[in-house]
C-alpha atoms as a PDB file:
ATOM      1  CA  MET A   1       0.984  -2.556   0.519  1.00  0.00           C
ATOM      2  CA  GLY A   2      -0.217  -5.380  -1.770  1.00  0.00           C
ATOM      3  CA  PRO A   3       0.301  -8.696  -2.697  1.00  0.00           C
ATOM      4  CA  SER A   4       3.730  -8.080  -4.426  1.00  0.00           C
ATOM      5  CA  SER A   5       5.063  -6.204  -1.217  1.00  0.00           C
ATOM      6  CA  GLY A   6       3.792  -9.306   0.910  1.00  0.00           C
ATOM      7  CA  ALA A   7       5.684 -11.767  -1.494  1.00  0.00           C
ATOM      8  CA  ALA A   8       8.955  -9.841  -1.580  1.00  0.00           C
ATOM      9  CA  ILE A   9       8.865 -10.125   2.226  1.00  0.00           C
ATOM     10  CA  HIS A  10       8.276 -13.547   2.056  1.00  0.00           C
ATOM     11  CA  ALA A  11      10.880 -14.130  -0.154  1.00  0.00           C
ATOM     12  CA  ALA A  12      13.336 -12.164   1.884  1.00  0.00           C
ATOM     13  CA  ILE A  13      12.353 -14.175   5.123  1.00  0.00           C
ATOM     14  CA  GLU A  14      12.959 -17.653   3.244  1.00  0.00           C
ATOM     15  CA  LEU A  15      16.469 -16.370   2.068  1.00  0.00           C
ATOM     16  CA  ALA A  16      17.238 -15.239   5.664  1.00  0.00           C
ATOM     17  CA  LYS A  17      16.726 -18.869   6.624  1.00  0.00           C
ATOM     18  CA  THR A  18      19.557 -20.008   4.392  1.00  0.00           C
ATOM     19  CA  ASP A  19      23.018 -20.808   5.623  1.00  0.00           C
ATOM     20  CA  GLU A  20      24.435 -18.533   2.823  1.00  0.00           C
ATOM     21  CA  ALA A  21      22.521 -15.571   4.461  1.00  0.00           C
ATOM     22  CA  ALA A  22      23.598 -16.097   8.078  1.00  0.00           C
ATOM     23  CA  GLY A  23      25.345 -12.740   9.637  1.00  0.00           C
ATOM     24  CA  LYS A  24      24.106 -10.897   6.445  1.00  0.00           C
ATOM     25  CA  THR A  25      21.758  -7.958   6.373  1.00  0.00           C
ATOM     26  CA  ILE A  26      18.584  -8.586   3.821  1.00  0.00           C
ATOM     27  CA  VAL A  27      16.866  -5.521   2.903  1.00  0.00           C
ATOM     28  CA  VAL A  28      13.580  -5.341   1.185  1.00  0.00           C
ATOM     29  CA  LEU A  29      12.181  -2.167  -0.357  1.00  0.00           C
ATOM     30  CA  GLN A  30       8.645  -2.059  -0.597  1.00  0.00           C
ATOM     31  CA  ALA A  31       7.847   0.687  -3.017  1.00  0.00           C
ATOM     32  CA  SER A  32       4.264   0.225  -2.957  1.00  0.00           C
ATOM     33  CA  SER A  33       2.049   3.112  -1.438  1.00  0.00           C
ATOM     34  CA  GLY A  34      -1.110   0.718  -1.134  1.00  0.00           C
ATOM     35  CA  ILE A  35      -3.493   3.110  -2.948  1.00  0.00           C
ATOM     36  CA  ARG A  36      -4.987   0.521  -4.934  1.00  0.00           C
ATOM     37  CA  TYR A  37      -6.041  -1.527  -1.842  1.00  0.00           C
ATOM     38  CA  VAL A  38      -7.306   1.525   0.453  1.00  0.00           C
ATOM     39  CA  ASN A  39     -11.038   0.836  -0.805  1.00  0.00           C
ATOM     40  CA  HIS A  40     -10.977  -2.778   0.183  1.00  0.00           C
ATOM     41  CA  PRO A  41     -13.494  -3.818   2.753  1.00  0.00           C
ATOM     42  CA  MET A  42     -10.504  -5.040   5.122  1.00  0.00           C
ATOM     43  CA  TRP A  43      -9.886  -1.197   5.922  1.00  0.00           C
ATOM     44  CA  ASP A  44     -13.606  -0.453   6.688  1.00  0.00           C
ATOM     45  CA  PRO A  45     -12.991  -0.509  10.510  1.00  0.00           C
ATOM     46  CA  GLU A  46      -9.899   2.197   9.844  1.00  0.00           C
ATOM     47  CA  ARG A  47     -12.360   4.385   7.548  1.00  0.00           C
ATOM     48  CA  GLU A  48     -14.914   4.432  10.279  1.00  0.00           C
ATOM     49  CA  GLU A  49     -12.479   5.082  12.898  1.00  0.00           C
ATOM     50  CA  ALA A  50     -10.908   8.059  10.826  1.00  0.00           C
ATOM     51  CA  ALA A  51     -14.420   9.259  10.165  1.00  0.00           C
ATOM     52  CA  LEU A  52     -14.957   9.622  13.849  1.00  0.00           C
ATOM     53  CA  ALA A  53     -12.041  11.277  14.685  1.00  0.00           C
ATOM     54  CA  LEU A  54     -12.372  13.749  12.269  1.00  0.00           C
ATOM     55  CA  PRO A  55     -15.983  14.026  11.201  1.00  0.00           C
ATOM     56  CA  SER A  56     -15.721  17.188   8.815  1.00  0.00           C
ATOM     57  CA  LYS A  57     -13.068  18.304   6.403  1.00  0.00           C
ATOM     58  CA  PRO A  58     -10.658  20.771   7.933  1.00  0.00           C
ATOM     59  CA  ALA A  59     -11.222  24.093   6.759  1.00  0.00           C
ATOM     60  CA  SER A  60      -8.089  24.333   4.872  1.00  0.00           C
ATOM     61  CA  ALA A  61      -9.372  20.958   2.693  1.00  0.00           C
ATOM     62  CA  GLU A  62     -10.889  23.034  -0.165  1.00  0.00           C
ATOM     63  CA  GLU A  63      -8.890  20.607  -2.834  1.00  0.00           C
ATOM     64  CA  PRO A  64      -9.415  16.965  -2.780  1.00  0.00           C
ATOM     65  CA  LEU A  65      -7.157  15.206  -0.446  1.00  0.00           C
ATOM     66  CA  LEU A  66      -6.007  12.446  -3.011  1.00  0.00           C
ATOM     67  CA  LEU A  67      -4.980  13.769  -6.001  1.00  0.00           C
ATOM     68  CA  TRP A  68      -3.522  10.585  -7.768  1.00  0.00           C
ATOM     69  CA  ARG A  69      -5.847   7.702  -8.546  1.00  0.00           C
ATOM     70  CA  SER A  70      -4.846   4.364  -9.884  1.00  0.00           C
ATOM     71  CA  GLU A  71      -7.474   4.028 -11.877  1.00  0.00           C
ATOM     72  CA  ASP A  72      -6.365   7.192 -14.020  1.00  0.00           C
ATOM     73  CA  HIS A  73      -2.990   5.583 -14.579  1.00  0.00           C
ATOM     74  CA  TYR A  74      -3.595   1.867 -14.959  1.00  0.00           C
ATOM     75  CA  THR A  75      -6.072  -0.397 -16.873  1.00  0.00           C
ATOM     76  CA  PRO A  76      -8.321  -2.793 -15.085  1.00  0.00           C
ATOM     77  CA  ASP A  77      -5.733  -5.593 -15.893  1.00  0.00           C
ATOM     78  CA  GLY A  78      -3.148  -3.535 -13.804  1.00  0.00           C
ATOM     79  CA  GLY A  79      -1.203  -2.529 -16.920  1.00  0.00           C
ATOM     80  CA  PRO A  80      -0.039   0.954 -17.548  1.00  0.00           C
ATOM     81  CA  LYS A  81      -2.513   3.273 -19.714  1.00  0.00           C
ATOM     82  CA  LEU A  82      -0.846   4.510 -22.658  1.00  0.00           C
END
């Protein structure tokens, strides 16, 4: 998930601290798949671990495992390609 997901969780936590929210359930939807962030260096250890766990592609992986790339659908500033 990205920064907007974190911001939504933070807002829900702050709302939960209010008197008006006492005894109520607060739901936060996280619609982000995080696909735009998986190449961030923060995930390098996980990628290295995954490479060791599965050093070669499975025999059935003839097609690319990732068929959707955000850069195919969004401009560098985050807006949709029209």
